[in-house]
C-alpha atoms as a PDB file:
ATOM      1  CA  MET A   1      19.340  -5.901-102.649  1.00  0.00           C
ATOM      2  CA  LYS A   2      20.859  -3.923-105.304  1.00  0.00           C
ATOM      3  CA  ARG A   3      20.564  -6.808-107.879  1.00  0.00           C
ATOM      4  CA  LEU A   4      16.731  -6.878-106.945  1.00  0.00           C
ATOM      5  CA  ILE A   5      16.743  -3.669-107.161  1.00  0.00           C
ATOM      6  CA  ILE A   6      18.433  -3.972-110.980  1.00  0.00           C
ATOM      7  CA  LEU A   7      16.239  -6.468-112.033  1.00  0.00           C
ATOM      8  CA  LEU A   8      12.578  -4.741-110.988  1.00  0.00           C
ATOM      9  CA  GLY A   9      14.337  -1.337-112.899  1.00  0.00           C
ATOM     10  CA  LEU A  10      14.945  -3.821-115.674  1.00  0.00           C
ATOM     11  CA  ALA A  11      11.922  -4.955-115.482  1.00  0.00           C
ATOM     12  CA  MET A  12       9.629  -2.057-115.763  1.00  0.00           C
ATOM     13  CA  CYS A  13      11.766  -0.676-118.956  1.00  0.00           C
ATOM     14  CA  LEU A  14      10.989  -4.167-120.637  1.00  0.00           C
ATOM     15  CA  SER A  15       7.197  -3.798-119.776  1.00  0.00           C
ATOM     16  CA  VAL A  16       7.253  -0.371-121.323  1.00  0.00           C
ATOM     17  CA  ALA A  17       9.018  -0.972-124.179  1.00  0.00           C
ATOM     18  CA  GLY A  18       6.751  -4.041-125.149  1.00  0.00           C
ATOM     19  CA  ALA A  19       3.797  -1.912-124.837  1.00  0.00           C
ATOM     20  CA  VAL A  20       1.175  -1.748-127.553  1.00  0.00           C
ATOM     21  CA  ASP A  21       0.607   1.752-129.082  1.00  0.00           C
ATOM     22  CA  ARG A  22      -2.769   2.307-128.714  1.00  0.00           C
ATOM     23  CA  SER A  23      -3.506   5.306-130.584  1.00  0.00           C
ATOM     24  CA  TYR A  24      -4.017   3.706-134.397  1.00  0.00           C
ATOM     25  CA  PHE A  25      -5.049   0.036-134.512  1.00  0.00           C
ATOM     26  CA  ILE A  26      -6.118  -2.108-137.920  1.00  0.00           C
ATOM     27  CA  GLN A  27      -7.556  -5.412-137.585  1.00  0.00           C
ATOM     28  CA  ASP A  28      -8.770  -7.732-140.285  1.00  0.00           C
ATOM     29  CA  LEU A  29     -12.791  -8.578-138.837  1.00  0.00           C
ATOM     30  CA  GLY A  30     -12.876 -11.570-141.152  1.00  0.00           C
ATOM     31  CA  GLN A  31     -16.087 -12.121-143.547  1.00  0.00           C
ATOM     32  CA  VAL A  32     -19.406 -12.375-142.896  1.00  0.00           C
ATOM     33  CA  THR A  33     -22.461 -14.105-144.985  1.00  0.00           C
ATOM     34  CA  VAL A  34     -25.989 -14.711-144.324  1.00  0.00           C
ATOM     35  CA  ALA A  35     -24.773 -18.251-143.044  1.00  0.00           C
ATOM     36  CA  SER A  36     -22.382 -16.420-141.007  1.00  0.00           C
ATOM     37  CA  PRO A  37     -23.784 -12.573-140.230  1.00  0.00           C
ATOM     38  CA  THR A  38     -21.666 -11.571-136.971  1.00  0.00           C
ATOM     39  CA  SER A  39     -17.781 -10.095-137.900  1.00  0.00           C
ATOM     40  CA  ASP A  40     -15.019 -10.996-135.530  1.00  0.00           C
ATOM     41  CA  VAL A  41     -14.762  -9.159-132.212  1.00  0.00           C
ATOM     42  CA  VAL A  42     -12.438  -7.372-131.539  1.00  0.00           C
ATOM     43  CA  ASP A  43     -11.182  -5.285-128.116  1.00  0.00           C
ATOM     44  CA  VAL A  44     -10.920  -1.184-129.007  1.00  0.00           C
ATOM     45  CA  ARG A  45     -10.021   0.092-125.557  1.00  0.00           C
ATOM     46  CA  GLY A  46      -8.288   3.328-125.628  1.00  0.00           C
ATOM     47  CA  LEU A  47      -9.621   4.070-129.292  1.00  0.00           C
ATOM     48  CA  ILE A  48     -12.324   6.801-129.579  1.00  0.00           C
ATOM     49  CA  ASN A  49     -12.568   6.828-133.676  1.00  0.00           C
ATOM     50  CA  HIS A  50     -13.564   3.791-135.530  1.00  0.00           C
ATOM     51  CA  THR A  51     -13.885   3.113-139.120  1.00  0.00           C
ATOM     52  CA  PHE A  52     -14.917   0.054-141.266  1.00  0.00           C
ATOM     53  CA  GLN A  53     -14.203  -0.884-144.624  1.00  0.00           C
ATOM     54  CA  TYR A  54     -16.974  -3.204-146.050  1.00  0.00           C
ATOM     55  CA  ASN A  55     -15.885  -4.942-149.657  1.00  0.00           C
ATOM     56  CA  VAL A  56     -18.687  -6.691-151.173  1.00  0.00           C
ATOM     57  CA  ASN A  57     -17.742  -9.682-152.789  1.00  0.00           C
ATOM     58  CA  GLU A  58     -20.851  -9.920-155.202  1.00  0.00           C
ATOM     59  CA  ILE A  59     -21.739  -6.530-157.324  1.00  0.00           C
ATOM     60  CA  SER A  60     -25.414  -7.618-157.715  1.00  0.00           C
ATOM     61  CA  VAL A  61     -26.860  -7.633-154.462  1.00  0.00           C
ATOM     62  CA  ASN A  62     -27.954  -5.258-151.594  1.00  0.00           C
ATOM     63  CA  VAL A  63     -26.393  -5.348-148.522  1.00  0.00           C
ATOM     64  CA  VAL A  64     -27.658  -3.801-145.041  1.00  0.00           C
ATOM     65  CA  MET A  65     -24.320  -3.399-142.321  1.00  0.00           C
ATOM     66  CA  ARG A  66     -24.730  -2.754-138.636  1.00  0.00           C
ATOM     67  CA  ALA A  67     -21.320  -1.456-137.035  1.00  0.00           C
ATOM     68  CA  GLU A  68     -22.391  -2.144-133.297  1.00  0.00           C
ATOM     69  CA  GLY A  69     -20.282  -1.406-130.134  1.00  0.00           C
ATOM     70  CA  THR A  70     -20.177  -2.612-126.286  1.00  0.00           C
ATOM     71  CA  VAL A  71     -19.113  -1.364-123.180  1.00  0.00           C
ATOM     72  CA  ASP A  72     -20.321  -4.117-121.222  1.00  0.00           C
ATOM     73  CA  GLY A  73     -20.248  -7.073-123.470  1.00  0.00           C
ATOM     74  CA  LEU A  74     -23.211  -8.233-122.924  1.00  0.00           C
ATOM     75  CA  LYS A  75     -25.160  -5.631-124.870  1.00  0.00           C
ATOM     76  CA  TRP A  76     -24.982  -4.440-127.966  1.00  0.00           C
ATOM     77  CA  TYR A  77     -26.023  -1.386-129.555  1.00  0.00           C
ATOM     78  CA  SER A  78     -25.292   0.565-133.793  1.00  0.00           C
ATOM     79  CA  ILE A  79     -22.448   2.485-133.154  1.00  0.00           C
ATOM     80  CA  SER A  80     -22.267   4.641-137.114  1.00  0.00           C
ATOM     81  CA  ASP A  81     -22.838   8.124-137.080  1.00  0.00           C
ATOM     82  CA  VAL A  82     -25.812   7.777-138.801  1.00  0.00           C
ATOM     83  CA  PRO A  83     -28.649   6.596-136.951  1.00  0.00           C
ATOM     84  CA  GLU A  84     -29.862   3.839-139.305  1.00  0.00           C
ATOM     85  CA  SER A  85     -27.776   0.704-140.536  1.00  0.00           C
ATOM     86  CA  THR A  86     -25.822   1.252-143.550  1.00  0.00           C
ATOM     87  CA  THR A  87     -27.002   0.161-147.089  1.00  0.00           C
ATOM     88  CA  ILE A  88     -25.248  -1.168-149.840  1.00  0.00           C
ATOM     89  CA  SER A  89     -26.765  -0.952-153.216  1.00  0.00           C
ATOM     90  CA  ALA A  90     -25.734  -2.862-155.985  1.00  0.00           C
ATOM     91  CA  SER A  91     -25.903   0.435-158.032  1.00  0.00           C
ATOM     92  CA  ASP A  92     -23.113   1.925-155.414  1.00  0.00           C
ATOM     93  CA  LEU A  93     -20.965  -1.140-156.020  1.00  0.00           C
ATOM     94  CA  SER A  94     -18.337  -2.133-158.781  1.00  0.00           C
ATOM     95  CA  SER A  95     -15.679  -4.769-159.169  1.00  0.00           C
ATOM     96  CA  ASP A  96     -12.821  -2.745-157.135  1.00  0.00           C
ATOM     97  CA  SER A  97     -15.232  -0.628-154.788  1.00  0.00           C
ATOM     98  CA  ALA A  98     -15.407  -0.696-151.053  1.00  0.00           C
ATOM     99  CA  TYR A  99     -17.729   0.879-148.894  1.00  0.00           C
ATOM    100  CA  ILE A 100     -16.799   3.167-145.682  1.00  0.00           C
ATOM    101  CA  GLU A 101     -18.867   3.992-142.468  1.00  0.00           C
ATOM    102  CA  ARG A 102     -17.454   6.037-139.521  1.00  0.00           C
ATOM    103  CA  ALA A 103     -18.053   5.852-135.847  1.00  0.00           C
ATOM    104  CA  THR A 104     -16.596   8.981-134.039  1.00  0.00           C
ATOM    105  CA  ASN A 105     -15.801  10.006-130.540  1.00  0.00           C
ATOM    106  CA  ARG A 106     -17.317   6.948-129.028  1.00  0.00           C
ATOM    107  CA  SER A 107     -15.477   5.074-126.259  1.00  0.00           C
ATOM    108  CA  LEU A 108     -16.191   1.313-126.397  1.00  0.00           C
ATOM    109  CA  SER A 109     -14.947  -2.182-124.946  1.00  0.00           C
ATOM    110  CA  LEU A 110     -15.310  -4.342-128.527  1.00  0.00           C
ATOM    111  CA  ILE A 111     -16.634  -3.689-131.943  1.00  0.00           C
ATOM    112  CA  ARG A 112     -18.420  -6.004-134.441  1.00  0.00           C
ATOM    113  CA  VAL A 113     -20.296  -5.728-137.556  1.00  0.00           C
ATOM    114  CA  ILE A 114     -23.174  -7.418-138.480  1.00  0.00           C
ATOM    115  CA  LEU A 115     -24.624  -8.439-141.904  1.00  0.00           C
ATOM    116  CA  GLU A 116     -28.147  -7.556-141.129  1.00  0.00           C
ATOM    117  CA  SER A 117     -30.057  -8.396-144.998  1.00  0.00           C
ATOM    118  CA  ALA A 118     -28.818  -9.280-147.976  1.00  0.00           C
ATOM    119  CA  SER A 119     -31.114  -9.401-150.981  1.00  0.00           C
ATOM    120  CA  GLY A 120     -30.831 -10.165-154.705  1.00  0.00           C
ATOM    121  CA  GLY A 121     -28.109 -13.036-153.918  1.00  0.00           C
ATOM    122  CA  THR A 122     -25.886 -14.631-151.384  1.00  0.00           C
ATOM    123  CA  PRO A 123     -23.044 -11.910-150.761  1.00  0.00           C
ATOM    124  CA  SER A 124     -19.906 -12.135-148.268  1.00  0.00           C
ATOM    125  CA  VAL A 125     -18.541  -9.228-147.481  1.00  0.00           C
ATOM    126  CA  ASP A 126     -14.942  -9.369-146.106  1.00  0.00           C
ATOM    127  CA  VAL A 127     -14.791  -6.257-143.232  1.00  0.00           C
ATOM    128  CA  LYS A 128     -11.363  -4.445-141.934  1.00  0.00           C
ATOM    129  CA  TYR A 129     -11.471  -1.872-139.019  1.00  0.00           C
ATOM    130  CA  MET A 130      -9.281   0.757-138.149  1.00  0.00           C
ATOM    131  CA  GLY A 131      -9.349   2.835-134.664  1.00  0.00           C
ATOM    132  CA  ASN A 132      -7.761   5.495-133.435  1.00  0.00           C
ATOM    133  CA  ASN A 133      -7.628   8.046-130.566  1.00  0.00           C
END
């Protein structure tokens, strides 16, 4: 019995020690294109502030991006702090620029990013995510 209690105590310590700190989380969401407009989907439970970084790989285009979230994994909606999708104009871009979009105070299960449209070329957009609580 004493060995069982010690083993259970050790297992509990290991499970706590191996827990992931969800107070701060960074993830590469992959690359979106016109042909493949949806980013990777990421579990963001426990995080309420969401920041998306868009690196547009072709600076002579205009792109419209939309950060989306869901609670149930079925119905997705725009989560940006501004009500409309984010338009990144060619005039806003340079070879070393990135564009940031934020969604604050939102409790979600999953997030993703959609490339809604592009004009003036066929861009690819690298998407990075950072969340915190």
